[in-house]
PDB file of N, CA and C in Angstrom:
ATOM      1  N   UNK A   1     -20.478 -78.847   7.041  1.00  0.00           N
ATOM      2  CA  UNK A   1     -20.988 -80.146   7.407  1.00  0.00           C
ATOM      3  C   UNK A   1     -21.008 -81.053   6.182  1.00  0.00           C
ATOM      4  N   UNK A   2     -20.748 -82.278   6.424  1.00  0.00           N
ATOM      5  CA  UNK A   2     -20.799 -83.259   5.348  1.00  0.00           C
ATOM      6  C   UNK A   2     -22.228 -83.757   5.179  1.00  0.00           C
ATOM      7  N   UNK A   3     -22.506 -84.285   4.008  1.00  0.00           N
ATOM      8  CA  UNK A   3     -23.840 -84.805   3.697  1.00  0.00           C
ATOM      9  C   UNK A   3     -24.248 -85.887   4.699  1.00  0.00           C
ATOM     10  N   UNK A   4     -23.299 -86.761   5.085  1.00  0.00           N
ATOM     11  CA  UNK A   4     -23.617 -87.835   6.014  1.00  0.00           C
ATOM     12  C   UNK A   4     -24.091 -87.281   7.362  1.00  0.00           C
ATOM     13  N   UNK A   5     -23.464 -86.202   7.800  1.00  0.00           N
ATOM     14  CA  UNK A   5     -23.857 -85.594   9.062  1.00  0.00           C
ATOM     15  C   UNK A   5     -25.250 -84.985   8.958  1.00  0.00           C
ATOM     16  N   UNK A   6     -25.561 -84.393   7.823  1.00  0.00           N
ATOM     17  CA  UNK A   6     -26.868 -83.775   7.634  1.00  0.00           C
ATOM     18  C   UNK A   6     -27.978 -84.812   7.484  1.00  0.00           C
ATOM     19  N   UNK A   7     -27.639 -85.987   6.949  1.00  0.00           N
ATOM     20  CA  UNK A   7     -28.649 -87.034   6.777  1.00  0.00           C
ATOM     21  C   UNK A   7     -29.196 -87.517   8.119  1.00  0.00           C
ATOM     22  N   UNK A   8     -28.417 -87.380   9.194  1.00  0.00           N
ATOM     23  CA  UNK A   8     -28.893 -87.762  10.524  1.00  0.00           C
ATOM     24  C   UNK A   8     -30.081 -86.904  10.956  1.00  0.00           C
ATOM     25  N   UNK A   9     -30.153 -85.687  10.406  1.00  0.00           N
ATOM     26  CA  UNK A   9     -31.226 -84.760  10.759  1.00  0.00           C
ATOM     27  C   UNK A   9     -32.386 -84.794   9.770  1.00  0.00           C
ATOM     28  N   UNK A  10     -32.377 -85.759   8.840  1.00  0.00           N
ATOM     29  CA  UNK A  10     -33.469 -85.900   7.887  1.00  0.00           C
ATOM     30  C   UNK A  10     -33.240 -85.200   6.558  1.00  0.00           C
ATOM     31  N   UNK A  11     -32.024 -84.684   6.331  1.00  0.00           N
ATOM     32  CA  UNK A  11     -31.714 -84.018   5.061  1.00  0.00           C
ATOM     33  C   UNK A  11     -31.596 -85.054   3.951  1.00  0.00           C
ATOM     34  N   UNK A  12     -32.189 -84.755   2.821  1.00  0.00           N
ATOM     35  CA  UNK A  12     -32.087 -85.638   1.665  1.00  0.00           C
ATOM     36  C   UNK A  12     -31.697 -84.801   0.454  1.00  0.00           C
ATOM     37  N   UNK A  13     -30.614 -85.157  -0.198  1.00  0.00           N
ATOM     38  CA  UNK A  13     -30.158 -84.443  -1.382  1.00  0.00           C
ATOM     39  C   UNK A  13     -31.149 -84.678  -2.520  1.00  0.00           C
ATOM     40  N   UNK A  14     -31.754 -83.593  -3.028  1.00  0.00           N
ATOM     41  CA  UNK A  14     -32.744 -83.716  -4.080  1.00  0.00           C
ATOM     42  C   UNK A  14     -32.324 -83.037  -5.376  1.00  0.00           C
ATOM     43  N   UNK A  15     -31.435 -82.096  -5.299  1.00  0.00           N
ATOM     44  CA  UNK A  15     -31.004 -81.379  -6.490  1.00  0.00           C
ATOM     45  C   UNK A  15     -29.700 -81.944  -7.023  1.00  0.00           C
ATOM     46  N   UNK A  16     -29.557 -81.903  -8.331  1.00  0.00           N
ATOM     47  CA  UNK A  16     -28.318 -82.331  -8.963  1.00  0.00           C
ATOM     48  C   UNK A  16     -27.294 -81.207  -8.808  1.00  0.00           C
ATOM     49  N   UNK A  17     -26.162 -81.513  -8.231  1.00  0.00           N
ATOM     50  CA  UNK A  17     -25.147 -80.491  -7.985  1.00  0.00           C
ATOM     51  C   UNK A  17     -24.101 -80.498  -9.085  1.00  0.00           C
ATOM     52  N   UNK A  18     -24.499 -80.103 -10.262  1.00  0.00           N
ATOM     53  CA  UNK A  18     -23.567 -80.064 -11.386  1.00  0.00           C
ATOM     54  C   UNK A  18     -24.009 -79.004 -12.374  1.00  0.00           C
ATOM     55  N   UNK A  19     -23.048 -78.295 -12.920  1.00  0.00           N
ATOM     56  CA  UNK A  19     -23.308 -77.305 -13.956  1.00  0.00           C
ATOM     57  C   UNK A  19     -22.538 -77.700 -15.204  1.00  0.00           C
ATOM     58  N   UNK A  20     -23.213 -77.651 -16.325  1.00  0.00           N
ATOM     59  CA  UNK A  20     -22.529 -77.924 -17.587  1.00  0.00           C
ATOM     60  C   UNK A  20     -21.907 -76.630 -18.094  1.00  0.00           C
ATOM     61  N   UNK A  21     -21.108 -76.732 -19.122  1.00  0.00           N
ATOM     62  CA  UNK A  21     -20.498 -75.539 -19.704  1.00  0.00           C
ATOM     63  C   UNK A  21     -21.579 -74.589 -20.210  1.00  0.00           C
ATOM     64  N   UNK A  22     -22.615 -75.138 -20.812  1.00  0.00           N
ATOM     65  CA  UNK A  22     -23.729 -74.316 -21.298  1.00  0.00           C
ATOM     66  C   UNK A  22     -24.379 -73.565 -20.134  1.00  0.00           C
ATOM     67  N   UNK A  23     -24.599 -74.238 -19.010  1.00  0.00           N
ATOM     68  CA  UNK A  23     -25.185 -73.598 -17.839  1.00  0.00           C
ATOM     69  C   UNK A  23     -24.312 -72.439 -17.351  1.00  0.00           C
ATOM     70  N   UNK A  24     -23.013 -72.649 -17.310  1.00  0.00           N
ATOM     71  CA  UNK A  24     -22.096 -71.603 -16.843  1.00  0.00           C
ATOM     72  C   UNK A  24     -22.074 -70.404 -17.773  1.00  0.00           C
ATOM     73  N   UNK A  25     -22.123 -70.642 -19.071  1.00  0.00           N
ATOM     74  CA  UNK A  25     -22.126 -69.542 -20.039  1.00  0.00           C
ATOM     75  C   UNK A  25     -23.411 -68.734 -19.906  1.00  0.00           C
ATOM     76  N   UNK A  26     -24.546 -69.410 -19.822  1.00  0.00           N
ATOM     77  CA  UNK A  26     -25.823 -68.706 -19.684  1.00  0.00           C
ATOM     78  C   UNK A  26     -25.858 -67.918 -18.381  1.00  0.00           C
ATOM     79  N   UNK A  27     -25.416 -68.526 -17.289  1.00  0.00           N
ATOM     80  CA  UNK A  27     -25.383 -67.829 -16.006  1.00  0.00           C
ATOM     81  C   UNK A  27     -24.471 -66.602 -16.082  1.00  0.00           C
ATOM     82  N   UNK A  28     -23.316 -66.754 -16.703  1.00  0.00           N
ATOM     83  CA  UNK A  28     -22.392 -65.635 -16.838  1.00  0.00           C
ATOM     84  C   UNK A  28     -22.984 -64.491 -17.636  1.00  0.00           C
ATOM     85  N   UNK A  29     -23.669 -64.809 -18.722  1.00  0.00           N
ATOM     86  CA  UNK A  29     -24.298 -63.763 -19.529  1.00  0.00           C
ATOM     87  C   UNK A  29     -25.416 -63.063 -18.770  1.00  0.00           C
ATOM     88  N   UNK A  30     -26.233 -63.839 -18.084  1.00  0.00           N
ATOM     89  CA  UNK A  30     -27.328 -63.245 -17.322  1.00  0.00           C
ATOM     90  C   UNK A  30     -26.795 -62.348 -16.211  1.00  0.00           C
ATOM     91  N   UNK A  31     -25.693 -62.758 -15.605  1.00  0.00           N
ATOM     92  CA  UNK A  31     -25.123 -61.998 -14.496  1.00  0.00           C
ATOM     93  C   UNK A  31     -24.387 -60.755 -14.988  1.00  0.00           C
ATOM     94  N   UNK A  32     -23.634 -60.873 -16.082  1.00  0.00           N
ATOM     95  CA  UNK A  32     -22.760 -59.788 -16.515  1.00  0.00           C
ATOM     96  C   UNK A  32     -23.426 -58.741 -17.406  1.00  0.00           C
ATOM     97  N   UNK A  33     -24.339 -59.134 -18.262  1.00  0.00           N
ATOM     98  CA  UNK A  33     -24.889 -58.205 -19.248  1.00  0.00           C
ATOM     99  C   UNK A  33     -25.548 -56.988 -18.600  1.00  0.00           C
ATOM    100  N   UNK A  34     -26.411 -57.143 -17.585  1.00  0.00           N
ATOM    101  CA  UNK A  34     -27.040 -55.940 -17.018  1.00  0.00           C
ATOM    102  C   UNK A  34     -26.065 -54.979 -16.342  1.00  0.00           C
ATOM    103  N   UNK A  35     -24.981 -55.490 -15.740  1.00  0.00           N
ATOM    104  CA  UNK A  35     -24.071 -54.594 -15.026  1.00  0.00           C
ATOM    105  C   UNK A  35     -22.911 -54.113 -15.890  1.00  0.00           C
ATOM    106  N   UNK A  36     -22.723 -54.705 -17.066  1.00  0.00           N
ATOM    107  CA  UNK A  36     -21.611 -54.288 -17.929  1.00  0.00           C
ATOM    108  C   UNK A  36     -21.786 -52.849 -18.388  1.00  0.00           C
ATOM    109  N   UNK A  37     -23.005 -52.437 -18.627  1.00  0.00           N
ATOM    110  CA  UNK A  37     -23.283 -51.074 -19.065  1.00  0.00           C
ATOM    111  C   UNK A  37     -22.795 -50.053 -18.049  1.00  0.00           C
ATOM    112  N   UNK A  38     -23.028 -50.284 -16.775  1.00  0.00           N
ATOM    113  CA  UNK A  38     -22.681 -49.306 -15.750  1.00  0.00           C
ATOM    114  C   UNK A  38     -21.183 -49.241 -15.488  1.00  0.00           C
ATOM    115  N   UNK A  39     -20.467 -50.287 -15.798  1.00  0.00           N
ATOM    116  CA  UNK A  39     -19.025 -50.280 -15.589  1.00  0.00           C
ATOM    117  C   UNK A  39     -18.286 -49.323 -16.510  1.00  0.00           C
ATOM    118  N   UNK A  40     -18.833 -49.062 -17.682  1.00  0.00           N
ATOM    119  CA  UNK A  40     -18.159 -48.180 -18.644  1.00  0.00           C
ATOM    120  C   UNK A  40     -18.956 -46.914 -18.926  1.00  0.00           C
ATOM    121  N   UNK A  41     -20.027 -46.684 -18.166  1.00  0.00           N
ATOM    122  CA  UNK A  41     -20.922 -45.557 -18.440  1.00  0.00           C
ATOM    123  C   UNK A  41     -20.182 -44.222 -18.472  1.00  0.00           C
ATOM    124  N   UNK A  42     -19.387 -43.944 -17.452  1.00  0.00           N
ATOM    125  CA  UNK A  42     -18.697 -42.652 -17.367  1.00  0.00           C
ATOM    126  C   UNK A  42     -17.715 -42.432 -18.500  1.00  0.00           C
ATOM    127  N   UNK A  43     -16.977 -43.472 -18.865  1.00  0.00           N
ATOM    128  CA  UNK A  43     -15.991 -43.352 -19.940  1.00  0.00           C
ATOM    129  C   UNK A  43     -16.690 -43.066 -21.270  1.00  0.00           C
ATOM    130  N   UNK A  44     -17.726 -43.829 -21.560  1.00  0.00           N
ATOM    131  CA  UNK A  44     -18.443 -43.651 -22.826  1.00  0.00           C
ATOM    132  C   UNK A  44     -19.175 -42.316 -22.848  1.00  0.00           C
ATOM    133  N   UNK A  45     -19.752 -41.900 -21.721  1.00  0.00           N
ATOM    134  CA  UNK A  45     -20.434 -40.611 -21.659  1.00  0.00           C
ATOM    135  C   UNK A  45     -19.456 -39.467 -21.918  1.00  0.00           C
ATOM    136  N   UNK A  46     -18.253 -39.588 -21.380  1.00  0.00           N
ATOM    137  CA  UNK A  46     -17.242 -38.549 -21.585  1.00  0.00           C
ATOM    138  C   UNK A  46     -16.777 -38.504 -23.044  1.00  0.00           C
ATOM    139  N   UNK A  47     -16.506 -39.667 -23.625  1.00  0.00           N
ATOM    140  CA  UNK A  47     -16.034 -39.725 -25.016  1.00  0.00           C
ATOM    141  C   UNK A  47     -17.105 -39.224 -25.984  1.00  0.00           C
ATOM    142  N   UNK A  48     -18.381 -39.531 -25.700  1.00  0.00           N
ATOM    143  CA  UNK A  48     -19.467 -39.154 -26.613  1.00  0.00           C
ATOM    144  C   UNK A  48     -20.035 -37.775 -26.300  1.00  0.00           C
ATOM    145  N   UNK A  49     -19.353 -36.991 -25.462  1.00  0.00           N
ATOM    146  CA  UNK A  49     -19.809 -35.649 -25.082  1.00  0.00           C
ATOM    147  C   UNK A  49     -21.246 -35.672 -24.565  1.00  0.00           C
ATOM    148  N   UNK A  50     -21.517 -36.575 -23.644  1.00  0.00           N
ATOM    149  CA  UNK A  50     -22.821 -36.745 -23.000  1.00  0.00           C
ATOM    150  C   UNK A  50     -23.944 -37.075 -23.977  1.00  0.00           C
ATOM    151  N   UNK A  51     -23.598 -37.721 -25.080  1.00  0.00           N
ATOM    152  CA  UNK A  51     -24.603 -38.179 -26.042  1.00  0.00           C
ATOM    153  C   UNK A  51     -24.650 -39.709 -26.013  1.00  0.00           C
ATOM    154  N   UNK A  52     -24.586 -40.268 -24.797  1.00  0.00           N
ATOM    155  CA  UNK A  52     -24.510 -41.714 -24.638  1.00  0.00           C
ATOM    156  C   UNK A  52     -25.687 -42.466 -25.260  1.00  0.00           C
ATOM    157  N   UNK A  53     -26.939 -42.026 -25.064  1.00  0.00           N
ATOM    158  CA  UNK A  53     -28.030 -42.769 -25.704  1.00  0.00           C
ATOM    159  C   UNK A  53     -27.886 -42.832 -27.232  1.00  0.00           C
ATOM    160  N   UNK A  54     -27.439 -41.758 -27.842  1.00  0.00           N
ATOM    161  CA  UNK A  54     -27.241 -41.760 -29.292  1.00  0.00           C
ATOM    162  C   UNK A  54     -26.101 -42.700 -29.683  1.00  0.00           C
ATOM    163  N   UNK A  55     -25.044 -42.730 -28.882  1.00  0.00           N
ATOM    164  CA  UNK A  55     -23.924 -43.633 -29.172  1.00  0.00           C
ATOM    165  C   UNK A  55     -24.375 -45.093 -29.110  1.00  0.00           C
ATOM    166  N   UNK A  56     -25.183 -45.443 -28.101  1.00  0.00           N
ATOM    167  CA  UNK A  56     -25.693 -46.814 -28.011  1.00  0.00           C
ATOM    168  C   UNK A  56     -26.691 -47.112 -29.124  1.00  0.00           C
ATOM    169  N   UNK A  57     -27.495 -46.146 -29.521  1.00  0.00           N
ATOM    170  CA  UNK A  57     -28.447 -46.352 -30.611  1.00  0.00           C
ATOM    171  C   UNK A  57     -27.725 -46.606 -31.929  1.00  0.00           C
ATOM    172  N   UNK A  58     -26.677 -45.845 -32.208  1.00  0.00           N
ATOM    173  CA  UNK A  58     -25.888 -46.052 -33.427  1.00  0.00           C
ATOM    174  C   UNK A  58     -25.218 -47.423 -33.395  1.00  0.00           C
ATOM    175  N   UNK A  59     -24.675 -47.799 -32.241  1.00  0.00           N
ATOM    176  CA  UNK A  59     -24.064 -49.115 -32.114  1.00  0.00           C
ATOM    177  C   UNK A  59     -25.073 -50.235 -32.302  1.00  0.00           C
ATOM    178  N   UNK A  60     -26.279 -50.047 -31.762  1.00  0.00           N
ATOM    179  CA  UNK A  60     -27.318 -51.063 -31.905  1.00  0.00           C
ATOM    180  C   UNK A  60     -27.717 -51.229 -33.372  1.00  0.00           C
ATOM    181  N   UNK A  61     -27.882 -50.123 -34.093  1.00  0.00           N
ATOM    182  CA  UNK A  61     -28.248 -50.195 -35.509  1.00  0.00           C
ATOM    183  C   UNK A  61     -27.155 -50.912 -36.288  1.00  0.00           C
ATOM    184  N   UNK A  62     -25.890 -50.613 -36.002  1.00  0.00           N
ATOM    185  CA  UNK A  62     -24.787 -51.274 -36.693  1.00  0.00           C
ATOM    186  C   UNK A  62     -24.791 -52.765 -36.414  1.00  0.00           C
ATOM    187  N   UNK A  63     -25.070 -53.166 -35.164  1.00  0.00           N
ATOM    188  CA  UNK A  63     -25.093 -54.589 -34.834  1.00  0.00           C
ATOM    189  C   UNK A  63     -26.286 -55.302 -35.486  1.00  0.00           C
ATOM    190  N   UNK A  64     -27.410 -54.619 -35.614  1.00  0.00           N
ATOM    191  CA  UNK A  64     -28.581 -55.233 -36.245  1.00  0.00           C
ATOM    192  C   UNK A  64     -28.281 -55.583 -37.696  1.00  0.00           C
ATOM    193  N   UNK A  65     -27.580 -54.678 -38.389  1.00  0.00           N
ATOM    194  CA  UNK A  65     -27.281 -54.921 -39.802  1.00  0.00           C
ATOM    195  C   UNK A  65     -26.137 -55.928 -40.012  1.00  0.00           C
ATOM    196  N   UNK A  66     -25.324 -56.153 -39.000  1.00  0.00           N
ATOM    197  CA  UNK A  66     -24.227 -57.118 -39.159  1.00  0.00           C
ATOM    198  C   UNK A  66     -24.564 -58.484 -38.605  1.00  0.00           C
ATOM    199  N   UNK A  67     -25.681 -58.626 -37.890  1.00  0.00           N
ATOM    200  CA  UNK A  67     -26.091 -59.922 -37.330  1.00  0.00           C
ATOM    201  C   UNK A  67     -26.726 -60.782 -38.424  1.00  0.00           C
ATOM    202  N   UNK A  68     -26.263 -62.009 -38.586  1.00  0.00           N
ATOM    203  CA  UNK A  68     -26.869 -62.875 -39.606  1.00  0.00           C
ATOM    204  C   UNK A  68     -28.315 -63.208 -39.248  1.00  0.00           C
ATOM    205  N   UNK A  69     -29.153 -63.291 -40.242  1.00  0.00           N
ATOM    206  CA  UNK A  69     -30.548 -63.639 -40.014  1.00  0.00           C
ATOM    207  C   UNK A  69     -30.674 -65.127 -39.742  1.00  0.00           C
ATOM    208  N   UNK A  70     -31.552 -65.474 -38.842  1.00  0.00           N
ATOM    209  CA  UNK A  70     -31.753 -66.884 -38.507  1.00  0.00           C
ATOM    210  C   UNK A  70     -32.832 -67.490 -39.343  1.00  0.00           C
TER     211      UNK A  70
END
């Protein structure tokens, strides 16, 4: 239905229907980050001989030391 057709029924557009590049990047990160882990879980678990938590802990420590301080 078009907006004009909906206005006959009392519909009023109140939200801005636009996303900026920043909005899209934030939405993408929020959507992808939690499920990215499960997409590669089996591969990483197999490569690390079922020591996946240790592999992620080592990776996290390495990233902490390479991240610039703010």
